[in-house]
Amino acid sequence: MDWKLDTPPSAKDIAAKFRADIGDGTYSPGARLPGAQGLAKKLGVALMTVQSAYRQLAEDGLVEGRTGSGTYVLDTKKGEPSAQMAASGLRDLQDQMKRVTSQLNDLVERVRKLEEEHATLTSHPEK
């Protein structure tokens, strides 16, 4: 697991990194994720931040917490999609959301420019 960060990550960032790692097989079904306390210290974040990230992964159905033992990638169950497939699907969804957000930001900027042009034309009509 490689963390190259300029600033401490958010819980969302940590969860996204583990989703990607699970999706690409870095963490296979049954693998234990790093201990929350050690990871929090390594990343320079509060323990609650890592716990929140792990909770997001559990809500996504990718991991399960085992009291006193740690957090583990869920094993593939017969007839259910694997955690790796689920993580890959979530990563694809995140990528699509980034593209849509970028396109929306571009549209907002274009509309703002058009509104400025319109305001300029209506306030200074040509003779």
N, C-alpha and C. Protein backbone atom coordinates (compact mmCIF):
# COMPACT_ATOMS: atom_id res chain seq x y z
N MET A 1 0.86 -1.18 0.00
CA MET A 1 0.00 0.00 0.00
C MET A 1 0.90 1.22 0.00
N ASP A 2 0.76 2.04 -1.01
CA ASP A 2 1.61 3.21 -1.17
C ASP A 2 0.77 4.47 -0.98
N TRP A 3 1.14 5.28 0.00
CA TRP A 3 0.42 6.53 0.28
C TRP A 3 1.37 7.68 -0.02
N LYS A 4 1.12 8.39 -1.11
CA LYS A 4 1.91 9.58 -1.45
C LYS A 4 0.99 10.77 -1.26
N LEU A 5 1.17 11.47 -0.14
CA LEU A 5 0.23 12.53 0.21
C LEU A 5 0.95 13.82 0.56
N ASP A 6 0.38 14.91 0.10
CA ASP A 6 0.88 16.23 0.50
C ASP A 6 0.18 16.70 1.77
N THR A 7 -1.07 16.27 1.93
CA THR A 7 -1.86 16.63 3.09
C THR A 7 -2.50 15.37 3.65
N PRO A 8 -2.88 15.38 4.92
CA PRO A 8 -3.54 14.20 5.47
C PRO A 8 -4.84 13.90 4.71
N PRO A 9 -5.09 12.62 4.44
CA PRO A 9 -6.29 12.26 3.67
C PRO A 9 -7.54 12.30 4.53
N SER A 10 -8.67 12.45 3.86
CA SER A 10 -9.97 12.38 4.53
C SER A 10 -10.38 10.90 4.59
N ALA A 11 -11.43 10.64 5.35
CA ALA A 11 -11.96 9.27 5.41
C ALA A 11 -12.38 8.81 4.01
N LYS A 12 -12.94 9.71 3.24
CA LYS A 12 -13.37 9.39 1.88
C LYS A 12 -12.16 9.00 1.03
N ASP A 13 -11.05 9.72 1.18
CA ASP A 13 -9.82 9.40 0.43
C ASP A 13 -9.28 8.03 0.82
N ILE A 14 -9.28 7.76 2.12
CA ILE A 14 -8.76 6.47 2.61
C ILE A 14 -9.62 5.33 2.09
N ALA A 15 -10.94 5.50 2.17
CA ALA A 15 -11.86 4.46 1.67
C ALA A 15 -11.65 4.25 0.17
N ALA A 16 -11.48 5.32 -0.58
CA ALA A 16 -11.28 5.21 -2.03
C ALA A 16 -10.00 4.44 -2.34
N LYS A 17 -8.95 4.69 -1.57
CA LYS A 17 -7.67 3.99 -1.78
C LYS A 17 -7.85 2.50 -1.53
N PHE A 18 -8.55 2.14 -0.45
CA PHE A 18 -8.76 0.72 -0.17
C PHE A 18 -9.70 0.09 -1.19
N ARG A 19 -10.70 0.83 -1.66
CA ARG A 19 -11.57 0.28 -2.72
C ARG A 19 -10.73 -0.08 -3.94
N ALA A 20 -9.84 0.84 -4.31
CA ALA A 20 -8.98 0.59 -5.47
C ALA A 20 -8.06 -0.60 -5.21
N ASP A 21 -7.48 -0.66 -4.00
CA ASP A 21 -6.59 -1.77 -3.67
C ASP A 21 -7.33 -3.11 -3.65
N ILE A 22 -8.55 -3.12 -3.16
CA ILE A 22 -9.35 -4.34 -3.16
C ILE A 22 -9.72 -4.69 -4.61
N GLY A 23 -10.09 -3.68 -5.38
CA GLY A 23 -10.47 -3.90 -6.77
C GLY A 23 -9.35 -4.45 -7.63
N ASP A 24 -8.12 -4.03 -7.36
CA ASP A 24 -7.00 -4.51 -8.19
C ASP A 24 -6.33 -5.75 -7.61
N GLY A 25 -6.87 -6.26 -6.49
CA GLY A 25 -6.34 -7.50 -5.94
C GLY A 25 -5.23 -7.34 -4.93
N THR A 26 -4.85 -6.10 -4.61
CA THR A 26 -3.82 -5.88 -3.59
C THR A 26 -4.26 -6.52 -2.27
N TYR A 27 -5.55 -6.39 -1.96
CA TYR A 27 -6.14 -7.06 -0.81
C TYR A 27 -7.16 -8.05 -1.34
N SER A 28 -6.85 -9.33 -1.20
CA SER A 28 -7.75 -10.36 -1.70
C SER A 28 -8.77 -10.74 -0.63
N PRO A 29 -9.81 -11.47 -0.99
CA PRO A 29 -10.80 -11.88 0.00
C PRO A 29 -10.13 -12.59 1.18
N GLY A 30 -10.52 -12.18 2.38
CA GLY A 30 -9.95 -12.74 3.60
C GLY A 30 -8.75 -11.99 4.13
N ALA A 31 -8.19 -11.08 3.31
CA ALA A 31 -7.02 -10.32 3.75
C ALA A 31 -7.41 -9.32 4.84
N ARG A 32 -6.49 -9.11 5.76
CA ARG A 32 -6.71 -8.16 6.85
C ARG A 32 -6.18 -6.80 6.44
N LEU A 33 -6.99 -5.76 6.64
CA LEU A 33 -6.54 -4.39 6.38
C LEU A 33 -5.62 -3.97 7.52
N PRO A 34 -4.80 -2.96 7.29
CA PRO A 34 -3.92 -2.49 8.37
C PRO A 34 -4.73 -2.06 9.59
N GLY A 35 -4.15 -2.23 10.76
CA GLY A 35 -4.80 -1.80 11.99
C GLY A 35 -5.11 -0.31 11.94
N ALA A 36 -6.27 0.06 12.43
CA ALA A 36 -6.73 1.44 12.33
C ALA A 36 -5.80 2.40 13.07
N GLN A 37 -5.34 2.02 14.26
CA GLN A 37 -4.48 2.92 15.03
C GLN A 37 -3.15 3.16 14.32
N GLY A 38 -2.54 2.09 13.84
CA GLY A 38 -1.26 2.22 13.15
C GLY A 38 -1.40 3.02 11.86
N LEU A 39 -2.47 2.78 11.13
CA LEU A 39 -2.68 3.50 9.87
C LEU A 39 -2.94 4.98 10.14
N ALA A 40 -3.72 5.27 11.19
CA ALA A 40 -3.99 6.67 11.53
C ALA A 40 -2.69 7.39 11.84
N LYS A 41 -1.82 6.75 12.60
CA LYS A 41 -0.54 7.35 12.95
C LYS A 41 0.32 7.56 11.70
N LYS A 42 0.37 6.53 10.85
CA LYS A 42 1.16 6.60 9.61
C LYS A 42 0.70 7.74 8.71
N LEU A 43 -0.62 7.93 8.62
CA LEU A 43 -1.19 8.94 7.72
C LEU A 43 -1.30 10.32 8.36
N GLY A 44 -1.11 10.39 9.68
CA GLY A 44 -1.22 11.67 10.37
C GLY A 44 -2.65 12.15 10.50
N VAL A 45 -3.56 11.20 10.72
CA VAL A 45 -4.98 11.53 10.86
C VAL A 45 -5.48 10.99 12.19
N ALA A 46 -6.67 11.43 12.57
CA ALA A 46 -7.29 10.93 13.79
C ALA A 46 -7.76 9.50 13.58
N LEU A 47 -7.76 8.73 14.64
CA LEU A 47 -8.24 7.35 14.60
C LEU A 47 -9.66 7.29 14.03
N MET A 48 -10.49 8.26 14.41
CA MET A 48 -11.88 8.30 13.92
C MET A 48 -11.94 8.39 12.40
N THR A 49 -10.96 9.04 11.78
CA THR A 49 -10.94 9.17 10.32
C THR A 49 -10.78 7.80 9.66
N VAL A 50 -9.84 7.01 10.17
CA VAL A 50 -9.64 5.66 9.62
C VAL A 50 -10.85 4.79 9.92
N GLN A 51 -11.39 4.90 11.13
CA GLN A 51 -12.57 4.11 11.48
C GLN A 51 -13.74 4.45 10.57
N SER A 52 -13.89 5.72 10.25
CA SER A 52 -14.95 6.15 9.34
C SER A 52 -14.74 5.56 7.95
N ALA A 53 -13.50 5.54 7.48
CA ALA A 53 -13.19 4.95 6.17
C ALA A 53 -13.53 3.47 6.16
N TYR A 54 -13.15 2.77 7.22
CA TYR A 54 -13.44 1.33 7.31
C TYR A 54 -14.95 1.10 7.38
N ARG A 55 -15.65 1.99 8.06
CA ARG A 55 -17.11 1.87 8.15
C ARG A 55 -17.73 2.05 6.75
N GLN A 56 -17.21 3.00 5.96
CA GLN A 56 -17.71 3.19 4.60
C GLN A 56 -17.51 1.92 3.77
N LEU A 57 -16.34 1.30 3.92
CA LEU A 57 -16.06 0.06 3.18
C LEU A 57 -17.00 -1.06 3.61
N ALA A 58 -17.31 -1.11 4.91
CA ALA A 58 -18.24 -2.13 5.42
C ALA A 58 -19.64 -1.88 4.86
N GLU A 59 -20.05 -0.61 4.81
CA GLU A 59 -21.36 -0.27 4.26
C GLU A 59 -21.45 -0.62 2.78
N ASP A 60 -20.31 -0.57 2.09
CA ASP A 60 -20.27 -0.94 0.68
C ASP A 60 -20.26 -2.45 0.49
N GLY A 61 -20.14 -3.19 1.59
CA GLY A 61 -20.12 -4.64 1.51
C GLY A 61 -18.78 -5.22 1.13
N LEU A 62 -17.72 -4.44 1.33
CA LEU A 62 -16.39 -4.89 0.93
C LEU A 62 -15.60 -5.52 2.06
N VAL A 63 -15.84 -5.08 3.29
CA VAL A 63 -15.08 -5.57 4.44
C VAL A 63 -16.01 -5.83 5.60
N GLU A 64 -15.47 -6.53 6.58
CA GLU A 64 -16.20 -6.70 7.84
C GLU A 64 -15.21 -6.52 8.98
N GLY A 65 -15.68 -5.87 10.03
CA GLY A 65 -14.87 -5.72 11.22
C GLY A 65 -15.12 -6.89 12.15
N ARG A 66 -14.05 -7.41 12.70
CA ARG A 66 -14.15 -8.51 13.67
C ARG A 66 -13.60 -7.99 14.99
N THR A 67 -14.47 -7.90 15.97
CA THR A 67 -14.10 -7.34 17.26
C THR A 67 -12.84 -8.01 17.80
N GLY A 68 -11.87 -7.19 18.13
CA GLY A 68 -10.62 -7.67 18.71
C GLY A 68 -9.66 -8.28 17.72
N SER A 69 -10.03 -8.35 16.44
CA SER A 69 -9.20 -9.01 15.45
C SER A 69 -8.78 -8.08 14.32
N GLY A 70 -9.68 -7.21 13.87
CA GLY A 70 -9.34 -6.30 12.78
C GLY A 70 -10.44 -6.22 11.74
N THR A 71 -10.07 -5.68 10.60
CA THR A 71 -11.00 -5.48 9.49
C THR A 71 -10.51 -6.32 8.32
N TYR A 72 -11.41 -7.13 7.76
CA TYR A 72 -11.04 -8.08 6.72
C TYR A 72 -11.88 -7.89 5.47
N VAL A 73 -11.23 -8.13 4.31
CA VAL A 73 -11.94 -8.12 3.04
C VAL A 73 -12.87 -9.33 3.04
N LEU A 74 -14.11 -9.10 2.65
CA LEU A 74 -15.09 -10.18 2.65
C LEU A 74 -14.71 -11.26 1.65
N ASP A 75 -14.94 -12.50 2.05
CA ASP A 75 -14.72 -13.64 1.17
C ASP A 75 -15.85 -13.69 0.15
N THR A 76 -15.52 -14.21 -1.01
CA THR A 76 -16.54 -14.41 -2.04
C THR A 76 -17.48 -15.51 -1.58
N LYS A 77 -18.76 -15.24 -1.67
CA LYS A 77 -19.75 -16.25 -1.33
C LYS A 77 -20.42 -16.70 -2.61
N LYS A 78 -20.80 -17.95 -2.63
CA LYS A 78 -21.41 -18.52 -3.83
C LYS A 78 -22.66 -17.73 -4.22
N GLY A 79 -22.70 -17.31 -5.49
CA GLY A 79 -23.87 -16.60 -5.99
C GLY A 79 -23.85 -15.10 -5.71
N GLU A 80 -22.85 -14.62 -4.96
CA GLU A 80 -22.76 -13.19 -4.67
C GLU A 80 -21.51 -12.63 -5.35
N PRO A 81 -21.55 -11.38 -5.76
CA PRO A 81 -20.35 -10.81 -6.37
C PRO A 81 -19.23 -10.72 -5.34
N SER A 82 -18.02 -10.88 -5.80
CA SER A 82 -16.88 -10.81 -4.89
C SER A 82 -16.64 -9.37 -4.46
N ALA A 83 -15.94 -9.22 -3.36
CA ALA A 83 -15.58 -7.88 -2.89
C ALA A 83 -14.74 -7.18 -3.94
N GLN A 84 -13.89 -7.95 -4.63
CA GLN A 84 -13.05 -7.36 -5.67
C GLN A 84 -13.91 -6.81 -6.80
N MET A 85 -14.93 -7.56 -7.21
CA MET A 85 -15.82 -7.08 -8.27
C MET A 85 -16.61 -5.86 -7.80
N ALA A 86 -17.07 -5.90 -6.55
CA ALA A 86 -17.82 -4.77 -6.01
C ALA A 86 -16.94 -3.53 -5.95
N ALA A 87 -15.71 -3.71 -5.50
CA ALA A 87 -14.79 -2.57 -5.42
C ALA A 87 -14.49 -2.02 -6.80
N SER A 88 -14.32 -2.90 -7.76
CA SER A 88 -14.08 -2.46 -9.13
C SER A 88 -15.27 -1.67 -9.66
N GLY A 89 -16.47 -2.15 -9.38
CA GLY A 89 -17.68 -1.43 -9.80
C GLY A 89 -17.78 -0.08 -9.14
N LEU A 90 -17.45 -0.01 -7.86
CA LEU A 90 -17.49 1.27 -7.15
C LEU A 90 -16.44 2.23 -7.70
N ARG A 91 -15.26 1.69 -8.02
CA ARG A 91 -14.21 2.53 -8.59
C ARG A 91 -14.65 3.08 -9.95
N ASP A 92 -15.29 2.24 -10.76
CA ASP A 92 -15.81 2.70 -12.05
C ASP A 92 -16.85 3.80 -11.86
N LEU A 93 -17.71 3.61 -10.87
CA LEU A 93 -18.73 4.61 -10.57
C LEU A 93 -18.09 5.93 -10.12
N GLN A 94 -17.05 5.84 -9.30
CA GLN A 94 -16.35 7.05 -8.88
C GLN A 94 -15.73 7.77 -10.08
N ASP A 95 -15.14 7.01 -10.99
CA ASP A 95 -14.54 7.61 -12.19
C ASP A 95 -15.60 8.31 -13.03
N GLN A 96 -16.75 7.66 -13.17
CA GLN A 96 -17.83 8.27 -13.94
C GLN A 96 -18.31 9.55 -13.26
N MET A 97 -18.41 9.52 -11.94
CA MET A 97 -18.86 10.71 -11.21
C MET A 97 -17.85 11.86 -11.38
N LYS A 98 -16.56 11.55 -11.39
CA LYS A 98 -15.54 12.58 -11.61
C LYS A 98 -15.72 13.21 -12.99
N ARG A 99 -15.97 12.36 -14.01
CA ARG A 99 -16.15 12.89 -15.37
C ARG A 99 -17.40 13.77 -15.45
N VAL A 100 -18.49 13.30 -14.85
CA VAL A 100 -19.74 14.07 -14.88
C VAL A 100 -19.55 15.40 -14.14
N THR A 101 -18.88 15.36 -13.00
CA THR A 101 -18.63 16.57 -12.23
C THR A 101 -17.78 17.55 -13.04
N SER A 102 -16.77 17.04 -13.72
CA SER A 102 -15.92 17.89 -14.55
C SER A 102 -16.73 18.52 -15.68
N GLN A 103 -17.56 17.72 -16.33
CA GLN A 103 -18.39 18.24 -17.42
C GLN A 103 -19.38 19.28 -16.90
N LEU A 104 -19.94 19.04 -15.73
CA LEU A 104 -20.88 19.99 -15.14
C LEU A 104 -20.16 21.30 -14.82
N ASN A 105 -18.96 21.21 -14.27
CA ASN A 105 -18.20 22.43 -13.98
C ASN A 105 -17.90 23.21 -15.26
N ASP A 106 -17.58 22.50 -16.34
CA ASP A 106 -17.34 23.16 -17.63
C ASP A 106 -18.60 23.87 -18.11
N LEU A 107 -19.74 23.21 -17.98
CA LEU A 107 -21.01 23.82 -18.40
C LEU A 107 -21.33 25.05 -17.55
N VAL A 108 -21.12 24.96 -16.26
CA VAL A 108 -21.38 26.10 -15.38
C VAL A 108 -20.51 27.28 -15.80
N GLU A 109 -19.26 27.03 -16.12
CA GLU A 109 -18.35 28.10 -16.55
C GLU A 109 -18.81 28.69 -17.88
N ARG A 110 -19.24 27.86 -18.81
CA ARG A 110 -19.72 28.36 -20.10
C ARG A 110 -20.97 29.21 -19.94
N VAL A 111 -21.89 28.78 -19.08
CA VAL A 111 -23.11 29.55 -18.83
C VAL A 111 -22.76 30.88 -18.20
N ARG A 112 -21.82 30.88 -17.25
CA ARG A 112 -21.40 32.13 -16.60
C ARG A 112 -20.85 33.11 -17.64
N LYS A 113 -20.03 32.61 -18.56
CA LYS A 113 -19.46 33.48 -19.60
C LYS A 113 -20.56 34.01 -20.52
N LEU A 114 -21.49 33.15 -20.89
CA LEU A 114 -22.59 33.59 -21.74
C LEU A 114 -23.45 34.64 -21.04
N GLU A 115 -23.69 34.45 -19.77
CA GLU A 115 -24.47 35.44 -19.01
C GLU A 115 -23.74 36.78 -18.93
N GLU A 116 -22.42 36.74 -18.77
CA GLU A 116 -21.64 37.97 -18.76
C GLU A 116 -21.73 38.67 -20.11
N GLU A 117 -21.59 37.90 -21.19
CA GLU A 117 -21.69 38.47 -22.53
C GLU A 117 -23.08 39.08 -22.75
N HIS A 118 -24.09 38.37 -22.32
CA HIS A 118 -25.45 38.85 -22.47
C HIS A 118 -25.65 40.15 -21.68
N ALA A 119 -25.15 40.18 -20.46
CA ALA A 119 -25.28 41.38 -19.63
C ALA A 119 -24.56 42.56 -20.28
N THR A 120 -23.40 42.31 -20.86
CA THR A 120 -22.64 43.36 -21.52
C THR A 120 -23.39 43.88 -22.75
N LEU A 121 -23.96 42.97 -23.53
CA LEU A 121 -24.69 43.38 -24.73
C LEU A 121 -25.97 44.14 -24.40
N THR A 122 -26.67 43.74 -23.37
CA THR A 122 -27.92 44.40 -23.03
C THR A 122 -27.70 45.73 -22.32
N SER A 123 -26.58 45.86 -21.65
CA SER A 123 -26.31 47.13 -20.96
C SER A 123 -25.64 48.16 -21.89
N HIS A 124 -25.03 47.70 -22.97
CA HIS A 124 -24.37 48.60 -23.95
C HIS A 124 -24.81 48.22 -25.35
N PRO A 125 -26.08 48.42 -25.67
CA PRO A 125 -26.53 48.03 -27.02
C PRO A 125 -25.81 48.86 -28.08
N GLU A 126 -25.51 48.21 -29.19
CA GLU A 126 -24.86 48.92 -30.30
C GLU A 126 -25.86 49.80 -30.99
N LYS A 127 -25.40 50.93 -31.51
CA LYS A 127 -26.28 51.90 -32.17
C LYS A 127 -26.33 51.68 -33.64
